[in-house]
C-alpha atoms as a PDB file:
ATOM      1  CA  MET A   1      60.851  48.224  96.489  1.00  0.00           C
ATOM      2  CA  GLN A   2      61.603  48.165 100.194  1.00  0.00           C
ATOM      3  CA  ARG A   3      65.250  47.313  99.493  1.00  0.00           C
ATOM      4  CA  ARG A   4      65.521  50.233  97.070  1.00  0.00           C
ATOM      5  CA  THR A   5      63.969  52.588  99.618  1.00  0.00           C
ATOM      6  CA  LEU A   6      66.380  51.361 102.298  1.00  0.00           C
ATOM      7  CA  VAL A   7      69.417  51.827 100.049  1.00  0.00           C
ATOM      8  CA  THR A   8      68.253  55.294  99.025  1.00  0.00           C
ATOM      9  CA  GLY A   9      67.761  56.210 102.667  1.00  0.00           C
ATOM     10  CA  LEU A  10      71.232  54.969 103.599  1.00  0.00           C
ATOM     11  CA  VAL A  11      72.831  56.953 100.767  1.00  0.00           C
ATOM     12  CA  ALA A  12      70.969  60.090 101.823  1.00  0.00           C
ATOM     13  CA  THR A  13      72.001  59.608 105.452  1.00  0.00           C
ATOM     14  CA  ALA A  14      75.624  59.025 104.469  1.00  0.00           C
ATOM     15  CA  ALA A  15      75.611  62.181 102.333  1.00  0.00           C
ATOM     16  CA  THR A  16      74.162  64.203 105.203  1.00  0.00           C
ATOM     17  CA  VAL A  17      76.870  62.972 107.563  1.00  0.00           C
ATOM     18  CA  ALA A  18      79.648  63.336 105.003  1.00  0.00           C
ATOM     19  CA  SER A  19      78.741  66.885 103.963  1.00  0.00           C
ATOM     20  CA  PRO A  20      80.036  68.638 107.107  1.00  0.00           C
ATOM     21  CA  MET A  21      83.003  66.252 107.158  1.00  0.00           C
ATOM     22  CA  LEU A  22      83.884  67.185 103.589  1.00  0.00           C
ATOM     23  CA  ARG A  23      83.504  70.866 104.402  1.00  0.00           C
ATOM     24  CA  ALA A  24      85.765  70.442 107.422  1.00  0.00           C
ATOM     25  CA  GLN A  25      88.432  68.776 105.292  1.00  0.00           C
ATOM     26  CA  ILE A  26      88.830  71.871 103.127  1.00  0.00           C
ATOM     27  CA  LEU A  27      89.665  74.017 106.145  1.00  0.00           C
ATOM     28  CA  PRO A  28      93.175  74.069 107.641  1.00  0.00           C
ATOM     29  CA  ALA A  29      93.992  71.537 110.339  1.00  0.00           C
ATOM     30  CA  GLY A  30      95.017  73.216 113.577  1.00  0.00           C
ATOM     31  CA  PRO A  31      95.576  76.897 114.394  1.00  0.00           C
ATOM     32  CA  VAL A  32      95.705  79.541 111.659  1.00  0.00           C
ATOM     33  CA  ARG A  33      98.148  82.455 111.672  1.00  0.00           C
ATOM     34  CA  ILE A  34      97.363  85.727 109.940  1.00  0.00           C
ATOM     35  CA  ILE A  35     100.652  87.526 109.319  1.00  0.00           C
ATOM     36  CA  VAL A  36     100.488  91.322 109.520  1.00  0.00           C
ATOM     37  CA  GLY A  37     103.361  93.342 108.094  1.00  0.00           C
ATOM     38  CA  PHE A  38     102.937  96.282 110.464  1.00  0.00           C
ATOM     39  CA  PRO A  39     103.155  96.813 114.240  1.00  0.00           C
ATOM     40  CA  PRO A  40     100.175  96.228 116.551  1.00  0.00           C
ATOM     41  CA  GLY A  41      97.739  99.118 116.816  1.00  0.00           C
ATOM     42  CA  GLY A  42      97.792 100.251 113.188  1.00  0.00           C
ATOM     43  CA  GLY A  43      94.981  99.994 110.672  1.00  0.00           C
ATOM     44  CA  THR A  44      96.199  96.756 109.078  1.00  0.00           C
ATOM     45  CA  ASP A  45      96.551  95.082 112.463  1.00  0.00           C
ATOM     46  CA  ALA A  46      93.163  96.333 113.688  1.00  0.00           C
ATOM     47  CA  LEU A  47      91.245  95.072 110.652  1.00  0.00           C
ATOM     48  CA  ALA A  48      93.027  91.712 110.784  1.00  0.00           C
ATOM     49  CA  ARG A  49      91.994  91.256 114.417  1.00  0.00           C
ATOM     50  CA  VAL A  50      88.346  92.040 113.679  1.00  0.00           C
ATOM     51  CA  VAL A  51      88.247  89.325 111.004  1.00  0.00           C
ATOM     52  CA  ALA A  52      90.363  86.821 112.964  1.00  0.00           C
ATOM     53  CA  GLN A  53      88.075  86.927 115.993  1.00  0.00           C
ATOM     54  CA  LYS A  54      85.048  85.967 113.907  1.00  0.00           C
ATOM     55  CA  LEU A  55      86.849  83.303 111.862  1.00  0.00           C
ATOM     56  CA  ALA A  56      88.083  81.631 115.052  1.00  0.00           C
ATOM     57  CA  VAL A  57      84.484  81.095 116.149  1.00  0.00           C
ATOM     58  CA  MET A  58      83.339  80.052 112.687  1.00  0.00           C
ATOM     59  CA  TRP A  59      86.198  77.586 112.161  1.00  0.00           C
ATOM     60  CA  ASN A  60      86.314  76.398 115.778  1.00  0.00           C
ATOM     61  CA  THR A  61      90.069  76.863 115.958  1.00  0.00           C
ATOM     62  CA  SER A  62      92.597  79.474 117.041  1.00  0.00           C
ATOM     63  CA  VAL A  63      93.196  82.276 114.541  1.00  0.00           C
ATOM     64  CA  ILE A  64      96.271  84.154 115.733  1.00  0.00           C
ATOM     65  CA  ILE A  65      97.606  87.515 114.573  1.00  0.00           C
ATOM     66  CA  GLU A  66     101.385  87.513 114.166  1.00  0.00           C
ATOM     67  CA  ASN A  67     103.092  90.836 113.487  1.00  0.00           C
ATOM     68  CA  LYS A  68     106.155  90.748 111.246  1.00  0.00           C
ATOM     69  CA  ALA A  69     106.717  94.466 110.767  1.00  0.00           C
ATOM     70  CA  GLY A  70     109.279  95.942 108.432  1.00  0.00           C
ATOM     71  CA  ALA A  71     109.819  97.237 104.900  1.00  0.00           C
ATOM     72  CA  ALA A  72     106.191  98.441 104.667  1.00  0.00           C
ATOM     73  CA  GLY A  73     104.760  94.932 104.668  1.00  0.00           C
ATOM     74  CA  VAL A  74     107.276  93.370 102.291  1.00  0.00           C
ATOM     75  CA  ILE A  75     108.906  91.192 104.993  1.00  0.00           C
ATOM     76  CA  ALA A  76     105.551  89.683 105.953  1.00  0.00           C
ATOM     77  CA  ALA A  77     104.595  89.046 102.330  1.00  0.00           C
ATOM     78  CA  ASP A  78     107.944  87.381 101.610  1.00  0.00           C
ATOM     79  CA  PHE A  79     107.457  85.129 104.653  1.00  0.00           C
ATOM     80  CA  VAL A  80     103.953  83.990 103.657  1.00  0.00           C
ATOM     81  CA  ALA A  81     104.908  83.400 100.021  1.00  0.00           C
ATOM     82  CA  LYS A  82     107.342  80.705 101.179  1.00  0.00           C
ATOM     83  CA  GLN A  83     104.916  78.856 103.503  1.00  0.00           C
ATOM     84  CA  PRO A  84     103.231  75.522 102.690  1.00  0.00           C
ATOM     85  CA  GLY A  85      99.859  75.638 100.967  1.00  0.00           C
ATOM     86  CA  ASP A  86      98.023  74.078 103.908  1.00  0.00           C
ATOM     87  CA  GLY A  87      96.143  77.264 104.797  1.00  0.00           C
ATOM     88  CA  ASN A  88      97.651  77.512 108.262  1.00  0.00           C
ATOM     89  CA  THR A  89      99.509  80.723 107.365  1.00  0.00           C
ATOM     90  CA  LEU A  90      97.685  83.619 105.704  1.00  0.00           C
ATOM     91  CA  LEU A  91      98.674  87.203 104.941  1.00  0.00           C
ATOM     92  CA  MET A  92      96.826  90.420 105.615  1.00  0.00           C
ATOM     93  CA  ALA A  93      97.982  91.853 102.325  1.00  0.00           C
ATOM     94  CA  HIS A  94      98.333  95.596 101.848  1.00  0.00           C
ATOM     95  CA  ILE A  95      98.706  97.983  98.928  1.00  0.00           C
ATOM     96  CA  ASN A  96     102.387  98.444  99.852  1.00  0.00           C
ATOM     97  CA  SER A  97     103.373  94.791  99.542  1.00  0.00           C
ATOM     98  CA  HIS A  98     101.309  93.972  96.452  1.00  0.00           C
ATOM     99  CA  ALA A  99     101.144  97.133  94.338  1.00  0.00           C
ATOM    100  CA  LEU A 100     103.551  99.839  95.467  1.00  0.00           C
ATOM    101  CA  ALA A 101     106.676  97.770  96.171  1.00  0.00           C
ATOM    102  CA  PRO A 102     106.434  96.089  92.730  1.00  0.00           C
ATOM    103  CA  ALA A 103     105.827  99.511  91.140  1.00  0.00           C
ATOM    104  CA  LEU A 104     109.045 100.838  92.670  1.00  0.00           C
ATOM    105  CA  GLY A 105     111.061  98.133  90.957  1.00  0.00           C
ATOM    106  CA  ILE A 106     112.455  96.928  94.282  1.00  0.00           C
ATOM    107  CA  LYS A 107     114.082  93.502  94.133  1.00  0.00           C
ATOM    108  CA  LEU A 108     111.575  91.340  95.989  1.00  0.00           C
ATOM    109  CA  GLY A 109     111.889  87.763  97.208  1.00  0.00           C
ATOM    110  CA  TYR A 110     108.416  87.040  95.874  1.00  0.00           C
ATOM    111  CA  ASN A 111     106.266  87.662  92.828  1.00  0.00           C
ATOM    112  CA  ALA A 112     103.209  89.606  93.969  1.00  0.00           C
ATOM    113  CA  GLU A 113     100.973  87.934  91.395  1.00  0.00           C
ATOM    114  CA  ARG A 114     102.386  84.433  91.004  1.00  0.00           C
ATOM    115  CA  ASP A 115     103.226  83.510  94.613  1.00  0.00           C
ATOM    116  CA  PHE A 116      99.872  84.245  96.280  1.00  0.00           C
ATOM    117  CA  ALA A 117      96.284  83.033  96.221  1.00  0.00           C
ATOM    118  CA  PRO A 118      93.962  86.050  96.686  1.00  0.00           C
ATOM    119  CA  ILE A 119      91.160  85.073  99.086  1.00  0.00           C
ATOM    120  CA  SER A 120      89.090  88.192  99.761  1.00  0.00           C
ATOM    121  CA  MET A 121      89.219  91.944  99.900  1.00  0.00           C
ATOM    122  CA  VAL A 122      88.775  93.064 103.518  1.00  0.00           C
ATOM    123  CA  GLY A 123      88.430  96.805 103.012  1.00  0.00           C
ATOM    124  CA  ILE A 124      89.396  99.902 101.044  1.00  0.00           C
ATOM    125  CA  THR A 125      90.261 103.121 102.869  1.00  0.00           C
ATOM    126  CA  PRO A 126      90.619 106.563 101.268  1.00  0.00           C
ATOM    127  CA  ASN A 127      93.492 108.875 101.954  1.00  0.00           C
ATOM    128  CA  MET A 128      92.669 112.400 103.056  1.00  0.00           C
ATOM    129  CA  LEU A 129      94.396 115.573 101.934  1.00  0.00           C
ATOM    130  CA  ILE A 130      94.810 117.525 105.166  1.00  0.00           C
ATOM    131  CA  CYS A 131      96.578 120.587 106.567  1.00  0.00           C
ATOM    132  CA  ASN A 132      97.010 122.311 109.903  1.00  0.00           C
ATOM    133  CA  VAL A 133      94.712 125.165 110.869  1.00  0.00           C
ATOM    134  CA  ASP A 134      97.284 127.878 110.043  1.00  0.00           C
ATOM    135  CA  GLN A 135      97.544 127.140 106.324  1.00  0.00           C
ATOM    136  CA  PRO A 136      96.099 129.756 103.981  1.00  0.00           C
ATOM    137  CA  ALA A 137      94.773 127.328 101.345  1.00  0.00           C
ATOM    138  CA  LYS A 138      91.924 125.207 102.685  1.00  0.00           C
ATOM    139  CA  THR A 139      90.444 123.983  99.405  1.00  0.00           C
ATOM    140  CA  VAL A 140      92.098 121.924  96.680  1.00  0.00           C
ATOM    141  CA  LYS A 141      91.654 124.745  94.166  1.00  0.00           C
ATOM    142  CA  ASP A 142      93.365 127.244  96.473  1.00  0.00           C
ATOM    143  CA  LEU A 143      96.135 124.762  97.256  1.00  0.00           C
ATOM    144  CA  VAL A 144      96.933 124.268  93.566  1.00  0.00           C
ATOM    145  CA  ALA A 145      97.067 128.038  93.111  1.00  0.00           C
ATOM    146  CA  LEU A 146      99.348 128.377  96.146  1.00  0.00           C
ATOM    147  CA  CYS A 147     101.748 125.693  94.881  1.00  0.00           C
ATOM    148  CA  LYS A 148     101.908 127.366  91.484  1.00  0.00           C
ATOM    149  CA  ALA A 149     102.551 130.754  93.096  1.00  0.00           C
ATOM    150  CA  LYS A 150     105.300 129.298  95.308  1.00  0.00           C
ATOM    151  CA  PRO A 151     106.859 126.414  93.386  1.00  0.00           C
ATOM    152  CA  GLY A 152     108.885 124.072  95.595  1.00  0.00           C
ATOM    153  CA  GLN A 153     108.084 126.042  98.754  1.00  0.00           C
ATOM    154  CA  ILE A 154     104.917 124.226  99.896  1.00  0.00           C
ATOM    155  CA  SER A 155     105.808 121.070 101.827  1.00  0.00           C
ATOM    156  CA  PHE A 156     103.976 117.768 101.936  1.00  0.00           C
ATOM    157  CA  ALA A 157     104.739 115.123 104.547  1.00  0.00           C
ATOM    158  CA  SER A 158     104.383 111.398 103.899  1.00  0.00           C
ATOM    159  CA  ALA A 159     104.746 108.207 105.906  1.00  0.00           C
ATOM    160  CA  GLY A 160     107.879 107.424 103.911  1.00  0.00           C
ATOM    161  CA  GLY A 161     109.328 107.294 100.429  1.00  0.00           C
ATOM    162  CA  GLY A 162     107.306 104.860  98.339  1.00  0.00           C
ATOM    163  CA  SER A 163     104.389 104.783 100.795  1.00  0.00           C
ATOM    164  CA  ALA A 164     100.739 105.007  99.752  1.00  0.00           C
ATOM    165  CA  GLN A 165     100.721 108.602 100.979  1.00  0.00           C
ATOM    166  CA  HIS A 166     103.767 109.431  98.867  1.00  0.00           C
ATOM    167  CA  PHE A 167     102.183 107.887  95.781  1.00  0.00           C
ATOM    168  CA  ALA A 168      98.987 109.898  96.358  1.00  0.00           C
ATOM    169  CA  LEU A 169     101.073 113.075  96.463  1.00  0.00           C
ATOM    170  CA  GLU A 170     102.907 112.180  93.262  1.00  0.00           C
ATOM    171  CA  MET A 171      99.614 111.501  91.478  1.00  0.00           C
ATOM    172  CA  PHE A 172      98.370 114.906  92.665  1.00  0.00           C
ATOM    173  CA  LYS A 173     101.535 116.655  91.473  1.00  0.00           C
ATOM    174  CA  LEU A 174     101.282 115.014  88.060  1.00  0.00           C
ATOM    175  CA  GLN A 175      97.626 115.885  87.551  1.00  0.00           C
ATOM    176  CA  ALA A 176      97.869 119.425  88.995  1.00  0.00           C
ATOM    177  CA  LYS A 177     101.142 120.090  87.169  1.00  0.00           C
ATOM    178  CA  ILE A 178     102.734 121.558  90.290  1.00  0.00           C
ATOM    179  CA  PHE A 179     106.119 121.374  91.967  1.00  0.00           C
ATOM    180  CA  ALA A 180     105.912 120.758  95.733  1.00  0.00           C
ATOM    181  CA  LEU A 181     108.404 119.674  98.371  1.00  0.00           C
ATOM    182  CA  HIS A 182     108.056 116.068  99.555  1.00  0.00           C
ATOM    183  CA  ILE A 183     109.271 115.367 103.100  1.00  0.00           C
ATOM    184  CA  PRO A 184     109.272 111.644 103.956  1.00  0.00           C
ATOM    185  CA  TYR A 185     108.939 110.502 107.584  1.00  0.00           C
ATOM    186  CA  ARG A 186     109.302 107.140 109.268  1.00  0.00           C
ATOM    187  CA  GLY A 187     105.605 106.447 109.535  1.00  0.00           C
ATOM    188  CA  SER A 188     102.336 108.359 109.836  1.00  0.00           C
ATOM    189  CA  GLY A 189     102.774 109.210 113.519  1.00  0.00           C
ATOM    190  CA  PRO A 190     105.760 111.568 113.264  1.00  0.00           C
ATOM    191  CA  ALA A 191     104.449 113.006 109.992  1.00  0.00           C
ATOM    192  CA  LEU A 192     101.175 114.003 111.641  1.00  0.00           C
ATOM    193  CA  VAL A 193     102.955 115.451 114.679  1.00  0.00           C
ATOM    194  CA  ASP A 194     104.960 117.789 112.452  1.00  0.00           C
ATOM    195  CA  LEU A 195     101.952 118.616 110.277  1.00  0.00           C
ATOM    196  CA  ILE A 196      99.892 119.725 113.280  1.00  0.00           C
ATOM    197  CA  GLY A 197     102.909 121.499 114.752  1.00  0.00           C
ATOM    198  CA  GLY A 198     103.393 123.507 111.564  1.00  0.00           C
ATOM    199  CA  GLN A 199     106.770 122.087 110.518  1.00  0.00           C
ATOM    200  CA  VAL A 200     105.155 120.892 107.265  1.00  0.00           C
ATOM    201  CA  ASN A 201     102.188 122.358 105.440  1.00  0.00           C
ATOM    202  CA  TYR A 202     100.085 119.539 103.959  1.00  0.00           C
ATOM    203  CA  CYS A 203      99.918 115.782 103.577  1.00  0.00           C
ATOM    204  CA  PHE A 204      97.926 112.926 102.169  1.00  0.00           C
ATOM    205  CA  GLU A 205      97.218 110.580 105.067  1.00  0.00           C
ATOM    206  CA  THR A 206      95.138 107.449 105.531  1.00  0.00           C
ATOM    207  CA  MET A 207      91.625 108.170 106.732  1.00  0.00           C
ATOM    208  CA  THR A 208      92.244 105.855 109.687  1.00  0.00           C
ATOM    209  CA  SER A 209      95.163 107.979 110.924  1.00  0.00           C
ATOM    210  CA  ALA A 210      93.802 111.379 109.884  1.00  0.00           C
ATOM    211  CA  THR A 211      90.267 111.098 111.286  1.00  0.00           C
ATOM    212  CA  PRO A 212      91.045 111.693 115.010  1.00  0.00           C
ATOM    213  CA  HIS A 213      92.932 114.897 114.155  1.00  0.00           C
ATOM    214  CA  VAL A 214      90.222 116.121 111.768  1.00  0.00           C
ATOM    215  CA  LYS A 215      87.442 115.365 114.263  1.00  0.00           C
ATOM    216  CA  SER A 216      89.337 117.182 117.033  1.00  0.00           C
ATOM    217  CA  GLY A 217      89.840 120.263 114.853  1.00  0.00           C
ATOM    218  CA  LYS A 218      93.641 120.034 114.875  1.00  0.00           C
ATOM    219  CA  ALA A 219      93.708 119.284 111.134  1.00  0.00           C
ATOM    220  CA  ILE A 220      91.495 120.393 108.268  1.00  0.00           C
ATOM    221  CA  ALA A 221      90.400 118.017 105.512  1.00  0.00           C
ATOM    222  CA  LEU A 222      90.501 119.489 102.021  1.00  0.00           C
ATOM    223  CA  ALA A 223      89.523 116.316 100.163  1.00  0.00           C
ATOM    224  CA  GLN A 224      89.349 112.529 100.224  1.00  0.00           C
ATOM    225  CA  THR A 225      90.738 110.219  97.569  1.00  0.00           C
ATOM    226  CA  ARG A 226      88.058 107.734  96.549  1.00  0.00           C
ATOM    227  CA  LEU A 227      85.559 108.417  93.789  1.00  0.00           C
ATOM    228  CA  LYS A 228      82.755 108.348  96.365  1.00  0.00           C
ATOM    229  CA  ARG A 229      82.620 110.003  99.772  1.00  0.00           C
ATOM    230  CA  ALA A 230      83.281 107.742 102.761  1.00  0.00           C
ATOM    231  CA  LYS A 231      80.355 107.241 105.120  1.00  0.00           C
ATOM    232  CA  GLY A 232      82.405 108.577 108.022  1.00  0.00           C
ATOM    233  CA  HIS A 233      83.178 111.880 106.234  1.00  0.00           C
ATOM    234  CA  PRO A 234      80.104 112.763 104.168  1.00  0.00           C
ATOM    235  CA  THR A 235      80.919 116.503 104.072  1.00  0.00           C
ATOM    236  CA  VAL A 236      84.486 116.162 102.770  1.00  0.00           C
ATOM    237  CA  PRO A 237      84.583 116.418  98.945  1.00  0.00           C
ATOM    238  CA  THR A 238      86.449 113.914  96.822  1.00  0.00           C
ATOM    239  CA  MET A 239      89.412 114.851  94.664  1.00  0.00           C
ATOM    240  CA  ASP A 240      87.208 113.949  91.705  1.00  0.00           C
ATOM    241  CA  GLU A 241      84.644 116.534  92.854  1.00  0.00           C
ATOM    242  CA  SER A 242      87.463 119.037  93.385  1.00  0.00           C
ATOM    243  CA  GLY A 243      88.434 119.099  89.723  1.00  0.00           C
ATOM    244  CA  PHE A 244      90.627 115.985  89.440  1.00  0.00           C
ATOM    245  CA  ALA A 245      88.533 113.611  87.376  1.00  0.00           C
ATOM    246  CA  GLY A 246      89.080 109.942  88.195  1.00  0.00           C
ATOM    247  CA  PHE A 247      91.543 110.664  91.004  1.00  0.00           C
ATOM    248  CA  GLU A 248      91.602 107.591  93.248  1.00  0.00           C
ATOM    249  CA  ALA A 249      94.448 106.808  95.641  1.00  0.00           C
ATOM    250  CA  THR A 250      93.410 104.352  98.324  1.00  0.00           C
ATOM    251  CA  VAL A 251      94.887 102.073 100.940  1.00  0.00           C
ATOM    252  CA  TRP A 252      93.478  98.570 100.769  1.00  0.00           C
ATOM    253  CA  TYR A 253      93.694  95.367 102.773  1.00  0.00           C
ATOM    254  CA  GLY A 254      92.878  91.763 101.889  1.00  0.00           C
ATOM    255  CA  LEU A 255      93.493  88.194 102.938  1.00  0.00           C
ATOM    256  CA  MET A 256      95.798  86.020 100.853  1.00  0.00           C
ATOM    257  CA  GLY A 257      97.510  82.683 101.197  1.00  0.00           C
ATOM    258  CA  PRO A 258     100.448  80.993  99.497  1.00  0.00           C
ATOM    259  CA  SER A 259      99.740  80.138  95.862  1.00  0.00           C
ATOM    260  CA  LYS A 260      99.931  76.408  96.613  1.00  0.00           C
ATOM    261  CA  MET A 261      96.657  76.446  98.593  1.00  0.00           C
ATOM    262  CA  PRO A 262      93.959  74.104  97.196  1.00  0.00           C
ATOM    263  CA  PRO A 263      91.312  76.047  95.219  1.00  0.00           C
ATOM    264  CA  ALA A 264      88.527  74.444  97.291  1.00  0.00           C
ATOM    265  CA  MET A 265      90.092  75.782 100.496  1.00  0.00           C
ATOM    266  CA  VAL A 266      90.488  79.257  98.999  1.00  0.00           C
ATOM    267  CA  GLN A 267      86.847  79.222  97.928  1.00  0.00           C
ATOM    268  CA  ARG A 268      85.630  78.059 101.344  1.00  0.00           C
ATOM    269  CA  MET A 269      87.651  80.793 103.083  1.00  0.00           C
ATOM    270  CA  ASN A 270      86.280  83.376 100.658  1.00  0.00           C
ATOM    271  CA  GLU A 271      82.708  82.351 101.481  1.00  0.00           C
ATOM    272  CA  ASP A 272      83.350  82.510 105.211  1.00  0.00           C
ATOM    273  CA  ILE A 273      85.093  85.891 105.077  1.00  0.00           C
ATOM    274  CA  ASN A 274      82.179  87.283 103.079  1.00  0.00           C
ATOM    275  CA  LYS A 275      79.851  86.077 105.853  1.00  0.00           C
ATOM    276  CA  VAL A 276      82.051  87.736 108.480  1.00  0.00           C
ATOM    277  CA  LEU A 277      82.172  91.054 106.605  1.00  0.00           C
ATOM    278  CA  ALA A 278      78.365  91.048 106.313  1.00  0.00           C
ATOM    279  CA  MET A 279      77.904  90.898 110.111  1.00  0.00           C
ATOM    280  CA  PRO A 280      76.462  94.191 111.450  1.00  0.00           C
ATOM    281  CA  ASP A 281      78.988  94.517 114.290  1.00  0.00           C
ATOM    282  CA  VAL A 282      81.869  93.913 111.866  1.00  0.00           C
ATOM    283  CA  GLN A 283      80.477  96.494 109.447  1.00  0.00           C
ATOM    284  CA  GLU A 284      80.258  98.975 112.302  1.00  0.00           C
ATOM    285  CA  LYS A 285      83.910  98.431 113.201  1.00  0.00           C
ATOM    286  CA  MET A 286      85.004  98.674 109.571  1.00  0.00           C
ATOM    287  CA  GLU A 287      83.227 102.011 109.217  1.00  0.00           C
ATOM    288  CA  GLN A 288      85.087 103.303 112.275  1.00  0.00           C
ATOM    289  CA  TYR A 289      88.327 102.738 110.359  1.00  0.00           C
ATOM    290  CA  GLY A 290      86.910 104.137 107.115  1.00  0.00           C
ATOM    291  CA  ALA A 291      87.213 100.696 105.481  1.00  0.00           C
ATOM    292  CA  GLU A 292      84.478  99.940 102.961  1.00  0.00           C
ATOM    293  CA  ASP A 293      83.662  97.562 100.092  1.00  0.00           C
ATOM    294  CA  GLY A 294      85.217  94.426 101.572  1.00  0.00           C
ATOM    295  CA  GLY A 295      84.167  91.014 100.332  1.00  0.00           C
ATOM    296  CA  GLY A 296      83.358  89.793  96.838  1.00  0.00           C
ATOM    297  CA  SER A 297      84.826  86.930  94.852  1.00  0.00           C
ATOM    298  CA  THR A 298      88.451  85.841  94.661  1.00  0.00           C
ATOM    299  CA  GLU A 299      88.415  86.790  90.971  1.00  0.00           C
ATOM    300  CA  LYS A 300      87.233  90.313  91.793  1.00  0.00           C
ATOM    301  CA  PHE A 301      90.029  90.742  94.337  1.00  0.00           C
ATOM    302  CA  ALA A 302      92.668  89.442  91.897  1.00  0.00           C
ATOM    303  CA  ALA A 303      91.437  91.786  89.146  1.00  0.00           C
ATOM    304  CA  PHE A 304      91.498  94.760  91.539  1.00  0.00           C
ATOM    305  CA  ILE A 305      95.104  94.033  92.538  1.00  0.00           C
ATOM    306  CA  LYS A 306      96.182  93.811  88.894  1.00  0.00           C
ATOM    307  CA  THR A 307      94.565  97.174  88.132  1.00  0.00           C
ATOM    308  CA  GLU A 308      96.312  98.744  91.133  1.00  0.00           C
ATOM    309  CA  GLN A 309      99.669  97.330  90.086  1.00  0.00           C
ATOM    310  CA  GLN A 310      99.331  98.786  86.591  1.00  0.00           C
ATOM    311  CA  LYS A 311      98.119 102.187  87.825  1.00  0.00           C
ATOM    312  CA  TRP A 312     100.890 102.723  90.365  1.00  0.00           C
ATOM    313  CA  ALA A 313     103.618 101.376  88.074  1.00  0.00           C
ATOM    314  CA  LEU A 314     102.658 104.119  85.624  1.00  0.00           C
ATOM    315  CA  VAL A 315     102.719 106.802  88.344  1.00  0.00           C
ATOM    316  CA  ALA A 316     106.113 105.577  89.556  1.00  0.00           C
ATOM    317  CA  GLN A 317     107.461 105.755  86.036  1.00  0.00           C
ATOM    318  CA  GLN A 318     106.059 109.193  85.206  1.00  0.00           C
ATOM    319  CA  ALA A 319     106.963 110.767  88.567  1.00  0.00           C
ATOM    320  CA  LYS A 320     110.273 108.892  88.933  1.00  0.00           C
ATOM    321  CA  VAL A 321     109.278 107.732  92.425  1.00  0.00           C
ATOM    322  CA  LYS A 322     112.049 106.148  94.473  1.00  0.00           C
ATOM    323  CA  ALA A 323     111.614 104.162  97.702  1.00  0.00           C
ATOM    324  CA  ASP A 324     113.905 106.448  99.647  1.00  0.00           C
ATOM    325  CA  ALA A 325     112.760 109.660  97.994  1.00  0.00           C
END
């Protein structure tokens, strides 16, 4: 009896000691890089840094942000897809690299579905339909009427051909049955400068980029593009509320790794990122950027991406969207 008790105690002790060791083994050895496909200072970069700071403490290792800007996130995605599956290199994935670029039919060096292991959604941000203060139509209904009265004369800026903002515009044109002039820019910054200056009339812009101009009164928000109103803009109606049932055109961000990552490591990272996103100070920062609904299972994230890919492929086909259009 005593021998059995001793053996049982030793097994229990060994299991207690081994448990954290086993958990440590399913985390990457050494520093972790999160590759961001956009320059420092943008929304993707900012959200990645919020998460990285917390994971570094949780994992007791360096979690470094590395910016590989270019081709709207495609260069970064291509780089991560070709990395070893050791978990040391992750991607802050973006709607551009994993839904819009495939929808455009661009020849990519990676397969957006096959070459990645989705880890966790980090956040979903609405776009906002905005104009400068001099525009006559300041509701969606009035804007549709204006575009129909002046076909091809009302201009809409975007952050570039094939961008999330461009796709939101094309969805709007299809559903409203209007003809409007699309003017692509090299990024949100110059597009917003010309919008506020009156060189262009309207644009769909990410909530992150549009908010400072709306709050300052330099731009007016007609609508936002999720099915529910964002916490940061409770008075701005959704496109759905404005007569466009089911209209949803978001920008989203999530962590992914190469497809060769061990499932146990992916699951552990998912659990830890969910813990990070539940922290009150992290939630506060996410709300500042208009990013909501991060977290959830890996399966939920994968299913969301697939739905986005199908939706935007259909829009690209119906609207004949081109990357340089």
